[in-house]
Amino acid sequence: GVEVTFTGRNGAETLVCSVTGNNTTCSSDYNHRVAVVNDFLVLRELTSSDTGTFTVRDKMGEVIGVNTVTVE
């Protein structure tokens, strides 16, 4: 499984989703706009508050992906 977190302009890291097999559990801020499609996490309805860094970690806490997003 993996865990996806988001770090925004304020520097605070928040949990976006945890994915284990076919089971995806998302925080309430993201629940209605996240989908997992063919092993990709899809985030819809982006706003400027989504500008920041999304980090993917495995279950051991190792970083396996970092994506920086800018929404203007």
Protein backbone atom coordinates (compact mmCIF):
# COMPACT_ATOMS: atom_id res chain seq x y z
CA GLY A 1 0.00 0.00 0.00
CA VAL A 2 0.92 3.64 -0.32
CA GLU A 3 0.09 6.91 1.41
CA VAL A 4 -0.26 10.24 -0.37
CA THR A 5 0.29 13.48 1.53
CA PHE A 6 0.10 17.12 0.51
CA THR A 7 2.28 20.00 1.68
CA GLY A 8 0.93 23.43 0.78
CA ARG A 9 2.21 26.97 1.07
CA ASN A 10 1.81 26.96 4.85
CA GLY A 11 4.26 24.07 5.16
CA ALA A 12 1.82 21.78 6.94
CA GLU A 13 1.66 18.19 5.67
CA THR A 14 -1.80 16.64 5.45
CA LEU A 15 -2.96 13.17 4.48
CA VAL A 16 -4.69 12.98 1.11
CA CYS A 17 -5.27 9.23 0.73
CA SER A 18 -4.14 5.79 1.74
CA VAL A 19 -4.31 3.12 -0.95
CA THR A 20 -4.13 -0.60 -0.13
CA GLY A 21 -4.90 -2.91 -3.04
CA ASN A 22 -8.26 -1.82 -4.42
CA ASN A 23 -9.18 0.03 -1.22
CA THR A 24 -8.71 3.81 -1.22
CA THR A 25 -9.35 5.84 1.94
CA CYS A 26 -9.21 9.61 1.55
CA SER A 27 -9.50 12.52 3.97
CA SER A 28 -12.75 14.46 3.85
CA ASP A 29 -11.08 17.38 2.03
CA TYR A 30 -10.23 15.12 -0.90
CA ASN A 31 -12.81 12.31 -0.78
CA HIS A 32 -15.18 13.76 -3.40
CA ARG A 33 -12.46 14.67 -5.91
CA VAL A 34 -10.02 11.76 -5.90
CA ALA A 35 -10.18 8.63 -8.03
CA VAL A 36 -7.73 5.80 -8.61
CA VAL A 37 -7.57 4.83 -12.29
CA ASN A 38 -5.10 2.19 -13.54
CA ASP A 39 -2.77 2.77 -10.56
CA PHE A 40 -2.88 6.55 -11.07
CA LEU A 41 -4.31 8.86 -8.43
CA VAL A 42 -6.50 11.41 -10.22
CA LEU A 43 -7.33 14.69 -8.47
CA ARG A 44 -10.19 16.74 -9.94
CA GLU A 45 -11.48 20.28 -9.42
CA LEU A 46 -8.08 21.81 -8.68
CA THR A 47 -7.91 25.27 -7.16
CA SER A 48 -5.03 27.55 -6.21
CA SER A 49 -5.07 26.01 -2.72
CA ASP A 50 -3.89 22.74 -4.33
CA THR A 51 -0.58 24.42 -5.23
CA GLY A 52 2.12 22.51 -3.39
CA THR A 53 3.81 19.14 -3.19
CA PHE A 54 2.12 15.74 -3.25
CA THR A 55 4.33 12.98 -1.81
CA VAL A 56 3.80 9.22 -2.19
CA ARG A 57 5.29 6.91 0.44
CA ASP A 58 5.26 3.15 0.74
CA LYS A 59 4.10 1.39 3.91
CA MET A 60 7.65 1.60 5.32
CA GLY A 61 7.60 5.40 4.97
CA GLU A 62 10.04 5.51 2.05
CA VAL A 63 9.34 8.26 -0.49
CA ILE A 64 8.56 6.70 -3.87
CA GLY A 65 7.21 9.74 -5.69
CA VAL A 66 7.07 13.53 -5.40
CA ASN A 67 4.90 15.73 -7.59
CA THR A 68 4.89 19.51 -7.41
CA VAL A 69 1.66 21.10 -8.61
CA THR A 70 1.06 24.76 -9.46
CA VAL A 71 -2.50 25.97 -9.99
CA GLU A 72 -2.88 29.61 -10.99
